């Protein structure tokens, strides 16, 4: 049994997924990358991770639905929601905030 923490990256964009998986592997984590909810569910049944990096904007079953499922299946899995979108999303309602943000 591996003693390194297992992190799962859930990202439908292959390039983004590979960047995150490669970076975390170089930091000595045990990392798996999957492209969506069905693959995440299969992996969690086989090998429960310590942490899931979860893309908000997945096609089909979105990141919020998967986060709810993870919480229901085990409250012991850490979840970090990630997105490359420029819109902000209110995690309580899923409503998008389309106001422009100025960053200096």
N, C-alpha and C. Protein backbone atom coordinates (compact mmCIF):
# COMPACT_ATOMS: atom_id res chain seq x y z
N UNK A 1 0.85 -1.19 0.00
CA UNK A 1 0.00 0.00 0.00
C UNK A 1 0.89 1.24 0.00
N UNK A 2 0.59 2.18 -0.89
CA UNK A 2 1.29 3.47 -0.97
C UNK A 2 0.98 4.30 0.26
N UNK A 3 2.00 4.99 0.77
CA UNK A 3 1.78 5.87 1.91
C UNK A 3 1.74 7.33 1.51
N UNK A 4 1.97 7.61 0.23
CA UNK A 4 1.85 9.00 -0.24
C UNK A 4 0.39 9.34 -0.40
N UNK A 5 -0.01 10.58 -0.05
CA UNK A 5 -1.41 10.97 -0.24
C UNK A 5 -1.82 10.87 -1.71
N UNK A 6 -3.04 10.36 -1.93
CA UNK A 6 -3.56 10.20 -3.29
C UNK A 6 -4.45 11.39 -3.63
N UNK A 7 -4.12 12.06 -4.73
CA UNK A 7 -4.89 13.20 -5.22
C UNK A 7 -5.47 12.84 -6.58
N UNK A 8 -6.74 13.17 -6.78
CA UNK A 8 -7.38 12.94 -8.07
C UNK A 8 -7.68 14.30 -8.70
N UNK A 9 -7.27 14.47 -9.95
CA UNK A 9 -7.55 15.67 -10.72
C UNK A 9 -8.68 15.33 -11.68
N UNK A 10 -9.81 16.04 -11.56
CA UNK A 10 -10.96 15.83 -12.44
C UNK A 10 -11.06 17.05 -13.34
N UNK A 11 -10.68 16.87 -14.59
CA UNK A 11 -10.61 17.98 -15.56
C UNK A 11 -10.87 17.42 -16.94
N UNK A 12 -11.84 17.98 -17.66
CA UNK A 12 -12.17 17.47 -18.99
C UNK A 12 -11.18 17.94 -20.05
N UNK A 13 -10.49 19.03 -19.81
CA UNK A 13 -9.50 19.55 -20.75
C UNK A 13 -8.19 18.79 -20.53
N UNK A 14 -7.80 17.97 -21.51
CA UNK A 14 -6.66 17.07 -21.35
C UNK A 14 -5.36 17.80 -21.02
N UNK A 15 -5.11 18.94 -21.66
CA UNK A 15 -3.87 19.67 -21.41
C UNK A 15 -3.81 20.19 -19.98
N UNK A 16 -4.91 20.76 -19.50
CA UNK A 16 -4.96 21.25 -18.12
C UNK A 16 -4.80 20.10 -17.12
N UNK A 17 -5.46 19.00 -17.40
CA UNK A 17 -5.37 17.83 -16.52
C UNK A 17 -3.93 17.34 -16.43
N UNK A 18 -3.27 17.23 -17.59
CA UNK A 18 -1.89 16.73 -17.62
C UNK A 18 -0.96 17.68 -16.86
N UNK A 19 -1.12 19.00 -17.02
CA UNK A 19 -0.29 19.96 -16.29
C UNK A 19 -0.41 19.78 -14.78
N UNK A 20 -1.64 19.66 -14.29
CA UNK A 20 -1.85 19.49 -12.85
C UNK A 20 -1.31 18.15 -12.36
N UNK A 21 -1.57 17.09 -13.09
CA UNK A 21 -1.10 15.76 -12.69
C UNK A 21 0.43 15.75 -12.65
N UNK A 22 1.07 16.27 -13.68
CA UNK A 22 2.53 16.28 -13.72
C UNK A 22 3.13 17.10 -12.58
N UNK A 23 2.56 18.28 -12.33
CA UNK A 23 3.07 19.13 -11.26
C UNK A 23 2.95 18.43 -9.90
N UNK A 24 1.79 17.88 -9.61
CA UNK A 24 1.58 17.23 -8.31
C UNK A 24 2.44 15.98 -8.16
N UNK A 25 2.65 15.24 -9.23
CA UNK A 25 3.52 14.06 -9.18
C UNK A 25 4.96 14.47 -8.86
N UNK A 26 5.41 15.60 -9.41
CA UNK A 26 6.76 16.10 -9.10
C UNK A 26 6.89 16.52 -7.64
N UNK A 27 5.76 16.81 -6.99
CA UNK A 27 5.76 17.19 -5.57
C UNK A 27 5.65 15.95 -4.67
N UNK A 28 5.77 14.76 -5.27
CA UNK A 28 5.78 13.48 -4.59
C UNK A 28 4.40 13.03 -4.07
N UNK A 29 3.34 13.50 -4.73
CA UNK A 29 2.02 12.98 -4.44
C UNK A 29 1.73 11.84 -5.40
N UNK A 30 0.89 10.93 -4.99
CA UNK A 30 0.37 9.91 -5.89
C UNK A 30 -0.85 10.52 -6.54
N UNK A 31 -0.84 10.64 -7.86
CA UNK A 31 -1.86 11.42 -8.57
C UNK A 31 -2.52 10.59 -9.66
N UNK A 32 -3.83 10.74 -9.76
CA UNK A 32 -4.60 10.15 -10.86
C UNK A 32 -5.36 11.28 -11.54
N UNK A 33 -5.48 11.21 -12.84
CA UNK A 33 -6.26 12.19 -13.60
C UNK A 33 -7.41 11.51 -14.30
N UNK A 34 -8.60 12.10 -14.18
CA UNK A 34 -9.78 11.57 -14.88
C UNK A 34 -10.48 12.73 -15.57
N UNK A 35 -11.29 12.41 -16.58
CA UNK A 35 -11.90 13.48 -17.37
C UNK A 35 -13.35 13.79 -17.04
N UNK A 36 -13.93 13.09 -16.06
CA UNK A 36 -15.32 13.41 -15.73
C UNK A 36 -15.86 12.56 -14.60
N UNK A 37 -17.16 12.73 -14.37
CA UNK A 37 -17.81 12.12 -13.23
C UNK A 37 -17.82 10.60 -13.23
N UNK A 38 -18.08 9.99 -14.37
CA UNK A 38 -18.15 8.52 -14.42
C UNK A 38 -16.80 7.91 -14.02
N UNK A 39 -15.72 8.47 -14.56
CA UNK A 39 -14.39 7.96 -14.23
C UNK A 39 -14.03 8.22 -12.77
N UNK A 40 -14.44 9.38 -12.24
CA UNK A 40 -14.19 9.69 -10.83
C UNK A 40 -14.89 8.67 -9.93
N UNK A 41 -16.15 8.38 -10.23
CA UNK A 41 -16.91 7.44 -9.41
C UNK A 41 -16.25 6.06 -9.38
N UNK A 42 -15.81 5.58 -10.53
CA UNK A 42 -15.13 4.29 -10.60
C UNK A 42 -13.85 4.30 -9.78
N UNK A 43 -13.08 5.37 -9.91
CA UNK A 43 -11.80 5.45 -9.21
C UNK A 43 -12.01 5.50 -7.69
N UNK A 44 -12.97 6.31 -7.23
CA UNK A 44 -13.23 6.44 -5.79
C UNK A 44 -13.67 5.11 -5.19
N UNK A 45 -14.43 4.31 -5.94
CA UNK A 45 -14.84 2.99 -5.46
C UNK A 45 -13.65 2.06 -5.27
N UNK A 46 -12.64 2.17 -6.14
CA UNK A 46 -11.45 1.32 -6.08
C UNK A 46 -10.41 1.82 -5.10
N UNK A 47 -10.20 3.13 -5.07
CA UNK A 47 -9.06 3.71 -4.35
C UNK A 47 -9.44 5.10 -3.85
N UNK A 48 -9.97 5.20 -2.65
CA UNK A 48 -10.46 6.46 -2.09
C UNK A 48 -9.30 7.45 -1.94
N UNK A 49 -9.40 8.62 -2.58
CA UNK A 49 -8.32 9.61 -2.49
C UNK A 49 -8.40 10.43 -1.21
N UNK A 50 -7.31 11.12 -0.91
CA UNK A 50 -7.29 12.06 0.20
C UNK A 50 -7.87 13.40 -0.24
N UNK A 51 -7.68 13.73 -1.52
CA UNK A 51 -8.06 15.05 -2.04
C UNK A 51 -8.50 14.92 -3.49
N UNK A 52 -9.53 15.70 -3.87
CA UNK A 52 -9.97 15.77 -5.26
C UNK A 52 -9.92 17.22 -5.71
N UNK A 53 -9.19 17.49 -6.79
CA UNK A 53 -9.22 18.79 -7.46
C UNK A 53 -10.29 18.66 -8.53
N UNK A 54 -11.34 19.43 -8.39
CA UNK A 54 -12.56 19.20 -9.17
C UNK A 54 -12.89 20.42 -10.02
N UNK A 55 -12.90 20.23 -11.34
CA UNK A 55 -13.26 21.29 -12.28
C UNK A 55 -14.74 21.63 -12.10
N UNK A 56 -15.03 22.91 -11.96
CA UNK A 56 -16.42 23.37 -11.81
C UNK A 56 -17.21 23.12 -13.08
N UNK A 57 -16.62 23.42 -14.22
CA UNK A 57 -17.36 23.42 -15.48
C UNK A 57 -17.26 22.17 -16.30
N UNK A 58 -17.42 21.02 -15.69
CA UNK A 58 -17.38 19.77 -16.45
C UNK A 58 -18.64 19.63 -17.29
N UNK A 59 -18.52 19.06 -18.48
CA UNK A 59 -19.72 18.79 -19.27
C UNK A 59 -20.51 17.65 -18.62
N UNK A 60 -21.80 17.67 -18.80
CA UNK A 60 -22.63 16.63 -18.18
C UNK A 60 -22.80 16.93 -16.71
N UNK A 61 -22.33 16.05 -15.87
CA UNK A 61 -22.41 16.23 -14.42
C UNK A 61 -21.33 17.23 -13.99
N UNK A 62 -21.75 18.41 -13.53
CA UNK A 62 -20.77 19.45 -13.20
C UNK A 62 -20.07 19.19 -11.87
N UNK A 63 -19.07 20.01 -11.60
CA UNK A 63 -18.27 19.85 -10.41
C UNK A 63 -19.05 19.96 -9.11
N UNK A 64 -20.08 20.80 -9.07
CA UNK A 64 -20.88 20.94 -7.85
C UNK A 64 -21.65 19.66 -7.54
N UNK A 65 -22.20 19.03 -8.57
CA UNK A 65 -22.92 17.76 -8.37
C UNK A 65 -21.96 16.68 -7.88
N UNK A 66 -20.77 16.64 -8.45
CA UNK A 66 -19.78 15.65 -8.03
C UNK A 66 -19.31 15.92 -6.60
N UNK A 67 -19.17 17.18 -6.24
CA UNK A 67 -18.77 17.52 -4.87
C UNK A 67 -19.83 17.05 -3.87
N UNK A 68 -21.10 17.23 -4.21
CA UNK A 68 -22.18 16.74 -3.34
C UNK A 68 -22.09 15.23 -3.19
N UNK A 69 -21.87 14.53 -4.30
CA UNK A 69 -21.75 13.07 -4.26
C UNK A 69 -20.56 12.65 -3.39
N UNK A 70 -19.42 13.33 -3.54
CA UNK A 70 -18.25 13.01 -2.72
C UNK A 70 -18.56 13.20 -1.24
N UNK A 71 -19.23 14.29 -0.89
CA UNK A 71 -19.58 14.57 0.51
C UNK A 71 -20.53 13.51 1.07
N UNK A 72 -21.47 13.08 0.23
CA UNK A 72 -22.42 12.05 0.68
C UNK A 72 -21.73 10.69 0.85
N UNK A 73 -20.78 10.38 -0.03
CA UNK A 73 -20.11 9.08 0.02
C UNK A 73 -19.04 9.04 1.11
N UNK A 74 -18.39 10.17 1.36
CA UNK A 74 -17.38 10.22 2.41
C UNK A 74 -17.06 11.67 2.72
N UNK A 75 -17.33 12.07 3.92
CA UNK A 75 -16.98 13.43 4.35
C UNK A 75 -15.50 13.58 4.62
N UNK A 76 -14.73 12.53 4.41
CA UNK A 76 -13.30 12.56 4.72
C UNK A 76 -12.43 12.87 3.50
N UNK A 77 -13.01 13.06 2.34
CA UNK A 77 -12.25 13.40 1.14
C UNK A 77 -12.21 14.91 1.01
N UNK A 78 -11.01 15.48 0.92
CA UNK A 78 -10.89 16.92 0.71
C UNK A 78 -11.27 17.26 -0.73
N UNK A 79 -11.86 18.43 -0.91
CA UNK A 79 -12.28 18.87 -2.24
C UNK A 79 -11.80 20.30 -2.46
N UNK A 80 -11.14 20.52 -3.58
CA UNK A 80 -10.79 21.86 -4.03
C UNK A 80 -11.43 22.06 -5.39
N UNK A 81 -12.28 23.08 -5.49
CA UNK A 81 -12.95 23.39 -6.76
C UNK A 81 -12.03 24.29 -7.58
N UNK A 82 -11.84 23.95 -8.84
CA UNK A 82 -10.99 24.75 -9.72
C UNK A 82 -11.76 25.08 -11.00
N UNK A 83 -11.38 26.18 -11.63
CA UNK A 83 -11.97 26.54 -12.91
C UNK A 83 -11.02 27.45 -13.67
N UNK A 84 -11.09 27.37 -14.96
CA UNK A 84 -10.32 28.26 -15.82
C UNK A 84 -11.22 29.34 -16.40
N UNK A 85 -12.50 29.33 -16.03
CA UNK A 85 -13.46 30.29 -16.56
C UNK A 85 -13.20 31.68 -16.02
N UNK A 86 -13.54 32.68 -16.80
CA UNK A 86 -13.36 34.05 -16.35
C UNK A 86 -14.54 34.53 -15.52
N UNK A 87 -15.70 33.87 -15.64
CA UNK A 87 -16.86 34.22 -14.82
C UNK A 87 -16.67 33.66 -13.43
N UNK A 88 -17.23 34.35 -12.44
CA UNK A 88 -17.22 33.80 -11.10
C UNK A 88 -18.52 33.07 -10.87
N UNK A 89 -18.48 32.07 -10.01
CA UNK A 89 -19.66 31.26 -9.74
C UNK A 89 -19.89 31.26 -8.24
N UNK A 90 -21.13 31.52 -7.85
CA UNK A 90 -21.49 31.46 -6.44
C UNK A 90 -21.72 30.00 -6.08
N UNK A 91 -20.85 29.39 -5.25
CA UNK A 91 -20.95 27.97 -4.98
C UNK A 91 -22.23 27.58 -4.23
N UNK A 92 -22.87 28.52 -3.56
CA UNK A 92 -24.10 28.19 -2.84
C UNK A 92 -25.27 28.02 -3.80
N UNK A 93 -25.28 28.79 -4.87
CA UNK A 93 -26.43 28.74 -5.77
C UNK A 93 -26.07 28.28 -7.17
N UNK A 94 -24.78 28.32 -7.50
CA UNK A 94 -24.37 27.99 -8.85
C UNK A 94 -24.60 29.13 -9.82
N UNK A 95 -25.08 30.28 -9.31
CA UNK A 95 -25.36 31.43 -10.18
C UNK A 95 -24.07 32.09 -10.63
N UNK A 96 -24.04 32.45 -11.85
CA UNK A 96 -22.86 33.10 -12.40
C UNK A 96 -22.94 34.61 -12.19
N UNK A 97 -21.81 35.18 -11.83
CA UNK A 97 -21.69 36.62 -11.65
C UNK A 97 -20.96 37.15 -12.88
N UNK A 98 -21.66 37.82 -13.75
CA UNK A 98 -21.07 38.25 -15.02
C UNK A 98 -20.51 39.67 -14.96
N UNK A 99 -20.45 40.26 -13.78
CA UNK A 99 -19.85 41.59 -13.68
C UNK A 99 -18.36 41.49 -13.98
N UNK A 100 -17.87 42.48 -14.66
CA UNK A 100 -16.44 42.50 -14.96
C UNK A 100 -15.65 42.81 -13.70
N UNK A 101 -14.53 42.15 -13.55
CA UNK A 101 -13.64 42.37 -12.43
C UNK A 101 -12.39 43.07 -12.93
N UNK A 102 -11.93 44.06 -12.20
CA UNK A 102 -10.69 44.74 -12.54
C UNK A 102 -9.60 44.28 -11.60
N UNK A 103 -8.52 43.83 -12.15
CA UNK A 103 -7.39 43.38 -11.34
C UNK A 103 -6.19 44.24 -11.64
N UNK A 104 -5.54 44.72 -10.61
CA UNK A 104 -4.34 45.56 -10.79
C UNK A 104 -3.11 44.78 -10.46
